[in-house]
């Protein structure tokens, strides 16, 4: 299946790259990890489609790390020194 002369597999690869790249522009660490995880999940699908274990394993590890920090090891929100009320 193709769209604009590009295969579905390639579109998934481009979508993956887009989400991972966009995540690096985010200031909020939670949003960064969610968007990055989305990109990595698309990369896992891409890796399956192109039968590339290095792509699958690397991105699966990154998703697990993101999951760990998002849901298991949640740190309380830090307050900046200038935000502290006397």
N, C-alpha and C. Protein backbone atom coordinates (compact mmCIF):
# COMPACT_ATOMS: atom_id res chain seq x y z
N UNK A 1 0.84 -1.17 0.00
CA UNK A 1 0.00 0.00 0.00
C UNK A 1 0.90 1.25 0.00
N UNK A 2 0.57 2.18 -0.86
CA UNK A 2 1.37 3.41 -0.97
C UNK A 2 0.48 4.64 -0.95
N UNK A 3 1.06 5.73 -0.47
CA UNK A 3 0.41 7.02 -0.49
C UNK A 3 1.47 8.03 -0.88
N UNK A 4 1.22 8.78 -1.94
CA UNK A 4 2.17 9.74 -2.48
C UNK A 4 3.49 9.09 -2.86
N UNK A 5 3.41 7.85 -3.29
CA UNK A 5 4.60 7.12 -3.71
C UNK A 5 5.46 6.61 -2.57
N UNK A 6 4.95 6.69 -1.35
CA UNK A 6 5.69 6.24 -0.18
C UNK A 6 4.92 5.10 0.47
N UNK A 7 5.63 4.03 0.80
CA UNK A 7 4.97 2.86 1.38
C UNK A 7 4.48 3.15 2.80
N UNK A 8 3.52 2.36 3.25
CA UNK A 8 2.98 2.49 4.60
C UNK A 8 4.09 2.31 5.63
N UNK A 9 5.00 1.39 5.37
CA UNK A 9 6.12 1.16 6.28
C UNK A 9 6.96 2.41 6.44
N UNK A 10 7.26 3.07 5.34
CA UNK A 10 8.04 4.31 5.41
C UNK A 10 7.28 5.41 6.14
N UNK A 11 5.96 5.51 5.91
CA UNK A 11 5.17 6.51 6.62
C UNK A 11 5.25 6.30 8.12
N UNK A 12 5.19 5.05 8.55
CA UNK A 12 5.30 4.75 9.98
C UNK A 12 6.68 5.17 10.49
N UNK A 13 7.71 4.93 9.70
CA UNK A 13 9.05 5.37 10.08
C UNK A 13 9.14 6.88 10.20
N UNK A 14 8.56 7.60 9.26
CA UNK A 14 8.56 9.07 9.32
C UNK A 14 7.76 9.57 10.53
N UNK A 15 6.62 8.95 10.78
CA UNK A 15 5.80 9.33 11.93
C UNK A 15 6.55 9.10 13.23
N UNK A 16 7.26 7.99 13.31
CA UNK A 16 8.08 7.68 14.48
C UNK A 16 9.12 8.76 14.71
N UNK A 17 9.83 9.09 13.66
CA UNK A 17 10.88 10.11 13.75
C UNK A 17 10.30 11.46 14.15
N UNK A 18 9.13 11.78 13.62
CA UNK A 18 8.48 13.04 13.95
C UNK A 18 8.20 13.15 15.45
N UNK A 19 7.58 12.10 16.03
CA UNK A 19 7.24 12.14 17.45
C UNK A 19 8.48 12.19 18.33
N UNK A 20 9.50 11.42 17.98
CA UNK A 20 10.73 11.43 18.78
C UNK A 20 11.39 12.81 18.69
N UNK A 21 11.45 13.39 17.49
CA UNK A 21 12.07 14.71 17.33
C UNK A 21 11.29 15.79 18.08
N UNK A 22 9.97 15.76 17.97
CA UNK A 22 9.13 16.75 18.66
C UNK A 22 9.32 16.66 20.17
N UNK A 23 9.52 15.46 20.68
CA UNK A 23 9.66 15.30 22.13
C UNK A 23 10.86 16.07 22.68
N UNK A 24 11.89 16.27 21.88
CA UNK A 24 13.08 16.97 22.35
C UNK A 24 12.86 18.48 22.48
N UNK A 25 11.78 18.99 21.94
CA UNK A 25 11.47 20.41 22.05
C UNK A 25 10.59 20.73 23.25
N UNK A 26 10.18 19.72 23.99
CA UNK A 26 9.24 19.92 25.09
C UNK A 26 9.97 20.23 26.39
N UNK A 27 9.43 21.19 27.13
CA UNK A 27 10.02 21.57 28.41
C UNK A 27 9.46 20.72 29.55
N UNK A 28 8.21 20.32 29.44
CA UNK A 28 7.57 19.52 30.48
C UNK A 28 8.01 18.06 30.32
N UNK A 29 8.68 17.53 31.34
CA UNK A 29 9.25 16.18 31.25
C UNK A 29 8.18 15.11 31.08
N UNK A 30 7.00 15.32 31.65
CA UNK A 30 5.93 14.32 31.50
C UNK A 30 5.46 14.28 30.06
N UNK A 31 5.20 15.44 29.46
CA UNK A 31 4.79 15.49 28.05
C UNK A 31 5.89 14.92 27.17
N UNK A 32 7.15 15.25 27.49
CA UNK A 32 8.27 14.73 26.71
C UNK A 32 8.26 13.21 26.71
N UNK A 33 8.10 12.61 27.89
CA UNK A 33 8.12 11.14 27.98
C UNK A 33 6.93 10.50 27.28
N UNK A 34 5.76 11.13 27.34
CA UNK A 34 4.58 10.58 26.67
C UNK A 34 4.76 10.64 25.15
N UNK A 35 5.18 11.78 24.64
CA UNK A 35 5.35 11.93 23.18
C UNK A 35 6.49 11.05 22.69
N UNK A 36 7.58 11.00 23.46
CA UNK A 36 8.70 10.15 23.09
C UNK A 36 8.28 8.68 23.07
N UNK A 37 7.49 8.27 24.06
CA UNK A 37 7.00 6.88 24.09
C UNK A 37 6.14 6.57 22.87
N UNK A 38 5.32 7.51 22.48
CA UNK A 38 4.49 7.33 21.29
C UNK A 38 5.38 7.10 20.06
N UNK A 39 6.40 7.93 19.92
CA UNK A 39 7.34 7.76 18.82
C UNK A 39 8.04 6.41 18.88
N UNK A 40 8.44 6.00 20.07
CA UNK A 40 9.12 4.70 20.22
C UNK A 40 8.19 3.54 19.91
N UNK A 41 6.92 3.66 20.27
CA UNK A 41 5.96 2.60 19.94
C UNK A 41 5.81 2.50 18.43
N UNK A 42 5.73 3.64 17.76
CA UNK A 42 5.69 3.61 16.29
C UNK A 42 6.98 3.00 15.73
N UNK A 43 8.12 3.30 16.36
CA UNK A 43 9.38 2.70 15.90
C UNK A 43 9.39 1.19 16.11
N UNK A 44 8.76 0.71 17.18
CA UNK A 44 8.67 -0.73 17.39
C UNK A 44 7.86 -1.37 16.25
N UNK A 45 6.73 -0.74 15.91
CA UNK A 45 5.92 -1.23 14.78
C UNK A 45 6.75 -1.21 13.50
N UNK A 46 7.46 -0.11 13.28
CA UNK A 46 8.33 0.02 12.10
C UNK A 46 9.40 -1.09 12.09
N UNK A 47 10.01 -1.33 13.26
CA UNK A 47 11.02 -2.38 13.35
C UNK A 47 10.46 -3.75 13.03
N UNK A 48 9.23 -4.01 13.46
CA UNK A 48 8.58 -5.28 13.13
C UNK A 48 8.35 -5.38 11.63
N UNK A 49 7.88 -4.29 11.03
CA UNK A 49 7.59 -4.30 9.59
C UNK A 49 8.85 -4.49 8.73
N UNK A 50 9.98 -3.95 9.20
CA UNK A 50 11.22 -4.11 8.42
C UNK A 50 12.08 -5.25 8.97
N UNK A 51 11.57 -5.95 9.98
CA UNK A 51 12.25 -7.09 10.59
C UNK A 51 13.64 -6.70 11.09
N UNK A 52 13.67 -5.66 11.94
CA UNK A 52 14.93 -5.17 12.48
C UNK A 52 14.92 -5.25 14.00
N UNK A 53 15.57 -6.27 14.54
CA UNK A 53 15.61 -6.45 15.99
C UNK A 53 16.30 -5.31 16.73
N UNK A 54 17.38 -4.73 16.20
CA UNK A 54 17.98 -3.60 16.92
C UNK A 54 17.01 -2.43 17.11
N UNK A 55 16.20 -2.13 16.11
CA UNK A 55 15.21 -1.05 16.21
C UNK A 55 14.14 -1.43 17.24
N UNK A 56 13.68 -2.65 17.21
CA UNK A 56 12.64 -3.11 18.13
C UNK A 56 13.14 -3.08 19.58
N UNK A 57 14.31 -3.66 19.81
CA UNK A 57 14.83 -3.77 21.18
C UNK A 57 15.15 -2.40 21.77
N UNK A 58 15.84 -1.57 21.01
CA UNK A 58 16.21 -0.25 21.51
C UNK A 58 14.98 0.55 21.91
N UNK A 59 13.98 0.58 21.06
CA UNK A 59 12.80 1.39 21.34
C UNK A 59 11.93 0.76 22.42
N UNK A 60 11.92 -0.55 22.54
CA UNK A 60 11.19 -1.21 23.62
C UNK A 60 11.82 -0.85 24.97
N UNK A 61 13.14 -0.80 25.02
CA UNK A 61 13.83 -0.41 26.25
C UNK A 61 13.49 1.03 26.62
N UNK A 62 13.50 1.92 25.63
CA UNK A 62 13.18 3.34 25.88
C UNK A 62 11.74 3.48 26.38
N UNK A 63 10.80 2.75 25.80
CA UNK A 63 9.41 2.80 26.27
C UNK A 63 9.33 2.32 27.72
N UNK A 64 10.06 1.27 28.05
CA UNK A 64 10.06 0.77 29.43
C UNK A 64 10.63 1.80 30.40
N UNK A 65 11.71 2.47 30.01
CA UNK A 65 12.30 3.52 30.86
C UNK A 65 11.30 4.65 31.05
N UNK A 66 10.67 5.09 29.97
CA UNK A 66 9.67 6.16 30.06
C UNK A 66 8.51 5.73 30.96
N UNK A 67 8.04 4.51 30.79
CA UNK A 67 6.96 3.98 31.61
C UNK A 67 7.35 3.98 33.08
N UNK A 68 8.57 3.55 33.36
CA UNK A 68 9.06 3.52 34.74
C UNK A 68 9.00 4.91 35.36
N UNK A 69 9.52 5.90 34.67
CA UNK A 69 9.54 7.25 35.23
C UNK A 69 8.17 7.92 35.24
N UNK A 70 7.29 7.53 34.33
CA UNK A 70 5.94 8.11 34.31
C UNK A 70 5.02 7.53 35.38
N UNK A 71 5.15 6.22 35.64
CA UNK A 71 4.16 5.56 36.49
C UNK A 71 4.70 4.92 37.76
N UNK A 72 5.93 4.50 37.77
CA UNK A 72 6.45 3.77 38.93
C UNK A 72 7.28 4.67 39.84
N UNK A 73 8.20 5.41 39.26
CA UNK A 73 9.11 6.26 40.04
C UNK A 73 8.72 7.73 39.91
N UNK A 74 7.50 8.03 40.27
CA UNK A 74 7.03 9.43 40.18
C UNK A 74 7.61 10.23 41.32
N UNK A 75 8.30 11.28 40.97
CA UNK A 75 8.87 12.18 41.98
C UNK A 75 7.91 13.33 42.20
N UNK A 76 7.84 13.83 43.43
CA UNK A 76 6.97 14.98 43.68
C UNK A 76 7.48 16.20 42.91
N UNK A 77 6.55 17.06 42.58
CA UNK A 77 6.89 18.28 41.85
C UNK A 77 7.80 19.15 42.71
N UNK A 78 8.90 19.57 42.13
CA UNK A 78 9.83 20.44 42.87
C UNK A 78 9.39 21.89 42.72
N UNK A 79 9.48 22.61 43.81
CA UNK A 79 9.14 24.03 43.81
C UNK A 79 10.43 24.83 43.73
N UNK A 80 10.46 25.80 42.83
CA UNK A 80 11.64 26.65 42.69
C UNK A 80 11.76 27.55 43.92
N UNK A 81 12.97 27.94 44.21
CA UNK A 81 13.24 28.73 45.41
C UNK A 81 12.45 30.04 45.42
N UNK A 82 12.28 30.65 44.26
CA UNK A 82 11.56 31.93 44.21
C UNK A 82 10.05 31.75 44.28
N UNK A 83 9.56 30.52 44.26
CA UNK A 83 8.13 30.25 44.36
C UNK A 83 7.70 29.93 45.79
N UNK A 84 8.67 29.78 46.69
CA UNK A 84 8.36 29.41 48.07
C UNK A 84 7.75 30.58 48.81
N UNK A 85 6.65 30.32 49.47
CA UNK A 85 5.96 31.36 50.25
C UNK A 85 6.46 31.31 51.69
N UNK A 86 6.74 32.46 52.31
CA UNK A 86 7.20 32.46 53.72
C UNK A 86 6.11 32.06 54.68
